[in-house]
Amino acid sequence: AAAAAAAAAAASEGSPLVVVEDSPTTTLQVRLADGSRTTVRANKSHTLEALHAHIASLTPGVAFSLRAGFPPKRLGELGRTLEEAGLLNEAITQSKE
């Protein structure tokens, strides 16, 4: 429980994801709001909130939402894991607010 609380605190500050090597991982292709692309490696158990915080750390000062799928839909329910949200090996788009 303490680890989950620490992870949630870190996520709210806009911090990079920390990948646990002995847990299942996924790779996400992220198109940032400026048009550039990056690859994010994450554990399947990372939450959407943690992913949002990681992308915030890459683009400080930008208010944004995340979208995925076709047609792209806004990702809500930030407490869901990447696996629960069906985002394993997906393409994610950062959209300026």
N, C-alpha and C. Protein backbone atom coordinates (compact mmCIF):
# COMPACT_ATOMS: atom_id res chain seq x y z
N ALA A 1 0.83 -1.20 0.00
CA ALA A 1 0.00 0.00 0.00
C ALA A 1 0.87 1.25 0.00
N ALA A 2 1.98 1.21 0.71
CA ALA A 2 2.87 2.37 0.76
C ALA A 2 3.47 2.63 -0.61
N ALA A 3 3.80 1.55 -1.34
CA ALA A 3 4.37 1.71 -2.68
C ALA A 3 3.35 2.34 -3.61
N ALA A 4 2.09 1.93 -3.49
CA ALA A 4 1.04 2.50 -4.34
C ALA A 4 0.85 3.98 -4.02
N ALA A 5 0.90 4.34 -2.75
CA ALA A 5 0.75 5.74 -2.36
C ALA A 5 1.92 6.57 -2.89
N ALA A 6 3.13 6.01 -2.81
CA ALA A 6 4.31 6.72 -3.32
C ALA A 6 4.21 6.89 -4.83
N ALA A 7 3.74 5.86 -5.53
CA ALA A 7 3.59 5.93 -6.97
C ALA A 7 2.55 6.99 -7.35
N ALA A 8 1.46 7.04 -6.61
CA ALA A 8 0.41 8.03 -6.89
C ALA A 8 0.93 9.44 -6.65
N ALA A 9 1.71 9.63 -5.58
CA ALA A 9 2.28 10.95 -5.29
C ALA A 9 3.24 11.36 -6.39
N ALA A 10 4.07 10.44 -6.85
CA ALA A 10 5.03 10.74 -7.91
C ALA A 10 4.30 11.07 -9.20
N ALA A 11 3.23 10.35 -9.49
CA ALA A 11 2.48 10.57 -10.73
C ALA A 11 1.86 11.96 -10.76
N SER A 12 1.39 12.45 -9.62
CA SER A 12 0.72 13.74 -9.61
C SER A 12 1.70 14.89 -9.84
N GLU A 13 2.99 14.64 -9.68
CA GLU A 13 4.00 15.68 -9.85
C GLU A 13 4.57 15.73 -11.26
N GLY A 14 4.12 14.87 -12.15
CA GLY A 14 4.67 14.85 -13.50
C GLY A 14 6.05 14.23 -13.52
N SER A 15 6.11 12.95 -13.19
CA SER A 15 7.41 12.29 -13.11
C SER A 15 7.49 11.13 -14.08
N PRO A 16 8.71 10.78 -14.50
CA PRO A 16 8.90 9.67 -15.43
C PRO A 16 8.44 8.34 -14.81
N LEU A 17 8.02 7.44 -15.67
CA LEU A 17 7.63 6.10 -15.23
C LEU A 17 8.87 5.33 -14.80
N VAL A 18 8.72 4.52 -13.77
CA VAL A 18 9.79 3.62 -13.34
C VAL A 18 9.32 2.21 -13.67
N VAL A 19 10.02 1.55 -14.58
CA VAL A 19 9.64 0.22 -15.05
C VAL A 19 10.24 -0.83 -14.12
N VAL A 20 9.39 -1.74 -13.64
CA VAL A 20 9.83 -2.87 -12.83
C VAL A 20 10.15 -3.99 -13.81
N GLU A 21 11.42 -4.34 -13.91
CA GLU A 21 11.89 -5.26 -14.95
C GLU A 21 11.29 -6.66 -14.86
N ASP A 22 10.98 -7.15 -13.65
CA ASP A 22 10.46 -8.51 -13.52
C ASP A 22 8.94 -8.59 -13.59
N SER A 23 8.29 -7.49 -13.98
CA SER A 23 6.84 -7.47 -14.20
C SER A 23 6.57 -7.31 -15.69
N PRO A 24 5.40 -7.79 -16.17
CA PRO A 24 5.09 -7.67 -17.59
C PRO A 24 5.10 -6.22 -18.07
N THR A 25 5.66 -6.00 -19.27
CA THR A 25 5.76 -4.64 -19.81
C THR A 25 5.04 -4.53 -21.16
N THR A 26 4.86 -3.30 -21.58
CA THR A 26 4.29 -2.98 -22.88
C THR A 26 5.03 -1.77 -23.43
N THR A 27 4.95 -1.58 -24.73
CA THR A 27 5.56 -0.42 -25.36
C THR A 27 4.46 0.40 -26.03
N LEU A 28 4.44 1.69 -25.75
CA LEU A 28 3.44 2.60 -26.30
C LEU A 28 4.11 3.59 -27.23
N GLN A 29 3.50 3.84 -28.36
CA GLN A 29 3.96 4.89 -29.28
C GLN A 29 3.16 6.14 -28.94
N VAL A 30 3.84 7.22 -28.60
CA VAL A 30 3.15 8.44 -28.19
C VAL A 30 3.47 9.57 -29.16
N ARG A 31 2.42 10.17 -29.72
CA ARG A 31 2.59 11.35 -30.56
C ARG A 31 2.31 12.56 -29.66
N LEU A 32 3.33 13.38 -29.46
CA LEU A 32 3.20 14.55 -28.59
C LEU A 32 2.50 15.68 -29.33
N ALA A 33 1.99 16.63 -28.57
CA ALA A 33 1.21 17.74 -29.13
C ALA A 33 2.01 18.56 -30.15
N ASP A 34 3.35 18.58 -30.03
CA ASP A 34 4.17 19.34 -30.98
C ASP A 34 4.44 18.57 -32.27
N GLY A 35 3.87 17.35 -32.39
CA GLY A 35 4.04 16.56 -33.59
C GLY A 35 5.15 15.53 -33.52
N SER A 36 6.00 15.63 -32.51
CA SER A 36 7.08 14.65 -32.38
C SER A 36 6.52 13.34 -31.81
N ARG A 37 7.32 12.29 -31.94
CA ARG A 37 6.91 10.98 -31.44
C ARG A 37 7.94 10.48 -30.45
N THR A 38 7.46 9.67 -29.52
CA THR A 38 8.35 9.02 -28.57
C THR A 38 7.80 7.64 -28.25
N THR A 39 8.66 6.78 -27.79
CA THR A 39 8.26 5.44 -27.36
C THR A 39 8.33 5.40 -25.84
N VAL A 40 7.28 4.89 -25.22
CA VAL A 40 7.24 4.78 -23.76
C VAL A 40 7.13 3.30 -23.40
N ARG A 41 8.07 2.84 -22.60
CA ARG A 41 8.01 1.48 -22.08
C ARG A 41 7.44 1.55 -20.68
N ALA A 42 6.43 0.74 -20.40
CA ALA A 42 5.76 0.78 -19.12
C ALA A 42 5.36 -0.62 -18.69
N ASN A 43 5.10 -0.76 -17.40
CA ASN A 43 4.54 -2.02 -16.92
C ASN A 43 3.05 -2.02 -17.24
N LYS A 44 2.52 -3.21 -17.51
CA LYS A 44 1.09 -3.32 -17.81
C LYS A 44 0.25 -2.84 -16.63
N SER A 45 0.83 -2.86 -15.44
CA SER A 45 0.12 -2.45 -14.22
C SER A 45 0.18 -0.95 -13.95
N HIS A 46 0.94 -0.18 -14.76
CA HIS A 46 0.95 1.27 -14.58
C HIS A 46 -0.45 1.80 -14.87
N THR A 47 -0.82 2.86 -14.16
CA THR A 47 -2.14 3.45 -14.36
C THR A 47 -2.10 4.52 -15.45
N LEU A 48 -3.27 4.87 -15.93
CA LEU A 48 -3.35 5.98 -16.89
C LEU A 48 -2.84 7.26 -16.25
N GLU A 49 -3.06 7.41 -14.95
CA GLU A 49 -2.56 8.59 -14.24
C GLU A 49 -1.04 8.65 -14.30
N ALA A 50 -0.38 7.51 -14.12
CA ALA A 50 1.09 7.46 -14.18
C ALA A 50 1.57 7.78 -15.59
N LEU A 51 0.86 7.26 -16.60
CA LEU A 51 1.23 7.56 -17.99
C LEU A 51 1.06 9.05 -18.27
N HIS A 52 -0.04 9.63 -17.80
CA HIS A 52 -0.29 11.07 -17.98
C HIS A 52 0.84 11.88 -17.33
N ALA A 53 1.24 11.48 -16.12
CA ALA A 53 2.31 12.19 -15.41
C ALA A 53 3.64 12.07 -16.16
N HIS A 54 3.90 10.89 -16.72
CA HIS A 54 5.14 10.69 -17.47
C HIS A 54 5.17 11.62 -18.69
N ILE A 55 4.06 11.68 -19.41
CA ILE A 55 4.01 12.54 -20.60
C ILE A 55 4.08 14.01 -20.19
N ALA A 56 3.51 14.35 -19.03
CA ALA A 56 3.63 15.72 -18.51
C ALA A 56 5.09 16.07 -18.24
N SER A 57 5.88 15.07 -17.80
CA SER A 57 7.30 15.33 -17.53
C SER A 57 8.08 15.56 -18.83
N LEU A 58 7.57 15.04 -19.94
CA LEU A 58 8.21 15.24 -21.24
C LEU A 58 7.86 16.59 -21.86
N THR A 59 6.69 17.12 -21.49
CA THR A 59 6.19 18.38 -22.06
C THR A 59 5.71 19.30 -20.95
N PRO A 60 6.64 19.80 -20.13
CA PRO A 60 6.23 20.63 -18.98
C PRO A 60 5.49 21.89 -19.41
N GLY A 61 4.47 22.23 -18.63
CA GLY A 61 3.72 23.46 -18.87
C GLY A 61 2.63 23.34 -19.92
N VAL A 62 2.42 22.16 -20.49
CA VAL A 62 1.39 21.97 -21.51
C VAL A 62 0.18 21.29 -20.87
N ALA A 63 -0.98 21.93 -20.95
CA ALA A 63 -2.23 21.31 -20.48
C ALA A 63 -2.71 20.40 -21.61
N PHE A 64 -2.99 19.13 -21.28
CA PHE A 64 -3.32 18.18 -22.35
C PHE A 64 -4.23 17.06 -21.86
N SER A 65 -4.77 16.36 -22.83
CA SER A 65 -5.48 15.11 -22.57
C SER A 65 -4.83 14.05 -23.45
N LEU A 66 -5.10 12.80 -23.14
CA LEU A 66 -4.56 11.69 -23.93
C LEU A 66 -5.71 11.02 -24.66
N ARG A 67 -5.44 10.62 -25.90
CA ARG A 67 -6.44 9.95 -26.73
C ARG A 67 -5.83 8.69 -27.33
N ALA A 68 -6.70 7.69 -27.57
CA ALA A 68 -6.24 6.44 -28.19
C ALA A 68 -7.40 5.83 -28.94
N GLY A 69 -7.07 4.90 -29.84
CA GLY A 69 -8.08 4.19 -30.60
C GLY A 69 -8.42 4.88 -31.89
N PHE A 70 -9.35 4.28 -32.63
CA PHE A 70 -9.81 4.90 -33.87
C PHE A 70 -11.32 4.73 -33.96
N PRO A 71 -12.06 5.84 -34.04
CA PRO A 71 -11.53 7.21 -33.94
C PRO A 71 -10.99 7.47 -32.53
N PRO A 72 -10.03 8.40 -32.42
CA PRO A 72 -9.41 8.65 -31.12
C PRO A 72 -10.44 9.10 -30.08
N LYS A 73 -10.38 8.45 -28.91
CA LYS A 73 -11.26 8.80 -27.81
C LYS A 73 -10.41 9.22 -26.62
N ARG A 74 -10.93 10.20 -25.90
CA ARG A 74 -10.23 10.70 -24.71
C ARG A 74 -10.14 9.59 -23.67
N LEU A 75 -8.96 9.45 -23.07
CA LEU A 75 -8.75 8.44 -22.04
C LEU A 75 -9.18 9.00 -20.70
N GLY A 76 -10.19 8.42 -20.11
CA GLY A 76 -10.68 8.82 -18.79
C GLY A 76 -10.34 7.75 -17.78
N GLU A 77 -10.97 7.81 -16.62
CA GLU A 77 -10.76 6.83 -15.56
C GLU A 77 -9.27 6.59 -15.32
N LEU A 78 -8.59 7.62 -14.84
CA LEU A 78 -7.14 7.59 -14.69
C LEU A 78 -6.64 6.53 -13.72
N GLY A 79 -7.53 5.93 -12.92
CA GLY A 79 -7.12 4.89 -11.99
C GLY A 79 -6.98 3.52 -12.63
N ARG A 80 -7.46 3.37 -13.87
CA ARG A 80 -7.34 2.07 -14.55
C ARG A 80 -5.90 1.82 -14.97
N THR A 81 -5.54 0.53 -15.02
CA THR A 81 -4.20 0.17 -15.49
C THR A 81 -4.20 0.20 -17.02
N LEU A 82 -3.01 0.21 -17.59
CA LEU A 82 -2.89 0.18 -19.05
C LEU A 82 -3.56 -1.08 -19.59
N GLU A 83 -3.40 -2.19 -18.89
CA GLU A 83 -4.00 -3.45 -19.32
C GLU A 83 -5.53 -3.38 -19.25
N GLU A 84 -6.07 -2.86 -18.15
CA GLU A 84 -7.52 -2.74 -18.00
C GLU A 84 -8.11 -1.82 -19.06
N ALA A 85 -7.36 -0.80 -19.45
CA ALA A 85 -7.85 0.17 -20.44
C ALA A 85 -7.66 -0.33 -21.87
N GLY A 86 -7.05 -1.49 -22.04
CA GLY A 86 -6.83 -2.04 -23.38
C GLY A 86 -5.79 -1.28 -24.18
N LEU A 87 -4.78 -0.77 -23.49
CA LEU A 87 -3.79 0.08 -24.16
C LEU A 87 -2.42 -0.58 -24.32
N LEU A 88 -2.37 -1.90 -24.31
CA LEU A 88 -1.09 -2.57 -24.48
C LEU A 88 -0.64 -2.46 -25.93
N ASN A 89 0.60 -2.02 -26.12
CA ASN A 89 1.20 -1.85 -27.45
C ASN A 89 0.35 -0.95 -28.36
N GLU A 90 -0.22 0.10 -27.80
CA GLU A 90 -1.10 1.01 -28.53
C GLU A 90 -0.38 2.30 -28.90
N ALA A 91 -1.03 3.05 -29.76
CA ALA A 91 -0.59 4.40 -30.11
C ALA A 91 -1.45 5.38 -29.30
N ILE A 92 -0.78 6.32 -28.65
CA ILE A 92 -1.45 7.31 -27.80
C ILE A 92 -1.14 8.69 -28.39
N THR A 93 -2.13 9.58 -28.37
CA THR A 93 -1.92 10.94 -28.86
C THR A 93 -2.13 11.93 -27.74
N GLN A 94 -1.19 12.87 -27.60
CA GLN A 94 -1.32 13.97 -26.63
C GLN A 94 -2.03 15.11 -27.35
N SER A 95 -3.17 15.56 -26.81
CA SER A 95 -3.92 16.66 -27.40
C SER A 95 -3.93 17.85 -26.45
N LYS A 96 -3.52 19.01 -26.95
CA LYS A 96 -3.54 20.21 -26.12
C LYS A 96 -4.97 20.56 -25.74
N GLU A 97 -5.11 21.06 -24.51
CA GLU A 97 -6.44 21.47 -24.01
C GLU A 97 -6.69 22.90 -24.40
